[in-house]
């Protein structure tokens, strides 16, 4: 399965940047983009391991539950 790299802006608007077969290559691109981002850039960069671009985008846009660290 490939690694998809996305730029995420605003209300989870996705822009696919690239697709890689190797984790190291995808990780390198994400780190470069994060390091070179302007201070005014509100975008985040994410890598997703998925069968297809559609699955990757579904996983990235799905709402996440708050983590429960312990009981009150």
Protein backbone atom coordinates (compact mmCIF):
# COMPACT_ATOMS: atom_id res chain seq x y z
CA UNK A 1 0.00 0.00 0.00
CA UNK A 2 1.26 3.49 -0.79
CA UNK A 3 1.84 6.48 1.46
CA UNK A 4 -0.14 9.58 0.51
CA UNK A 5 1.10 13.05 1.52
CA UNK A 6 -1.44 15.84 1.95
CA UNK A 7 -1.52 19.54 2.71
CA UNK A 8 -4.54 20.29 4.90
CA UNK A 9 -6.00 23.79 5.17
CA UNK A 10 -9.05 25.40 6.69
CA UNK A 11 -12.03 23.15 7.21
CA UNK A 12 -10.15 19.98 6.28
CA UNK A 13 -9.59 20.96 2.66
CA UNK A 14 -7.13 18.42 1.28
CA UNK A 15 -4.50 18.89 -1.39
CA UNK A 16 -2.66 15.73 -2.38
CA UNK A 17 1.02 16.53 -2.78
CA UNK A 18 2.55 13.18 -3.68
CA UNK A 19 2.35 9.39 -3.37
CA UNK A 20 5.24 7.19 -2.23
CA UNK A 21 5.91 3.47 -1.99
CA UNK A 22 8.47 3.92 0.80
CA UNK A 23 7.77 5.36 4.25
CA UNK A 24 11.12 7.14 4.41
CA UNK A 25 10.43 9.11 1.23
CA UNK A 26 7.00 10.24 2.42
CA UNK A 27 8.37 11.13 5.85
CA UNK A 28 11.14 13.19 4.27
CA UNK A 29 8.67 15.24 2.19
CA UNK A 30 6.40 15.91 5.18
CA UNK A 31 9.35 17.06 7.30
CA UNK A 32 10.66 19.31 4.53
CA UNK A 33 7.25 20.92 4.02
CA UNK A 34 6.79 21.49 7.75
CA UNK A 35 10.29 22.98 8.10
CA UNK A 36 9.90 25.28 5.09
CA UNK A 37 6.38 26.49 5.93
CA UNK A 38 5.93 30.23 6.43
CA UNK A 39 4.86 31.54 9.81
CA UNK A 40 1.67 32.79 8.16
CA UNK A 41 0.90 29.37 6.66
CA UNK A 42 -1.88 27.72 8.65
CA UNK A 43 -1.69 24.46 6.69
CA UNK A 44 -0.67 21.16 8.20
CA UNK A 45 1.09 18.35 6.40
CA UNK A 46 0.09 14.74 6.96
CA UNK A 47 1.06 11.36 5.64
CA UNK A 48 -1.51 8.56 5.37
CA UNK A 49 -0.96 4.86 4.67
CA UNK A 50 -3.97 3.64 2.67
CA UNK A 51 -5.10 1.44 -0.21
CA UNK A 52 -6.26 4.39 -2.30
CA UNK A 53 -6.41 8.18 -2.33
CA UNK A 54 -10.13 7.99 -1.53
CA UNK A 55 -9.47 5.90 1.59
CA UNK A 56 -6.67 8.26 2.67
CA UNK A 57 -8.92 11.30 2.29
CA UNK A 58 -11.74 9.59 4.17
CA UNK A 59 -9.42 8.80 7.07
CA UNK A 60 -8.04 12.35 7.14
CA UNK A 61 -11.46 14.02 7.11
CA UNK A 62 -13.20 11.71 9.57
CA UNK A 63 -13.97 13.41 12.89
CA UNK A 64 -11.86 12.08 15.73
CA UNK A 65 -13.11 11.43 19.23
CA UNK A 66 -11.38 13.15 22.11
CA UNK A 67 -8.76 10.97 23.74
CA UNK A 68 -9.63 9.69 27.18
CA UNK A 69 -6.48 9.60 29.25
CA UNK A 70 -7.97 8.57 32.55
CA UNK A 71 -11.10 8.56 34.59
CA UNK A 72 -12.21 11.60 36.56
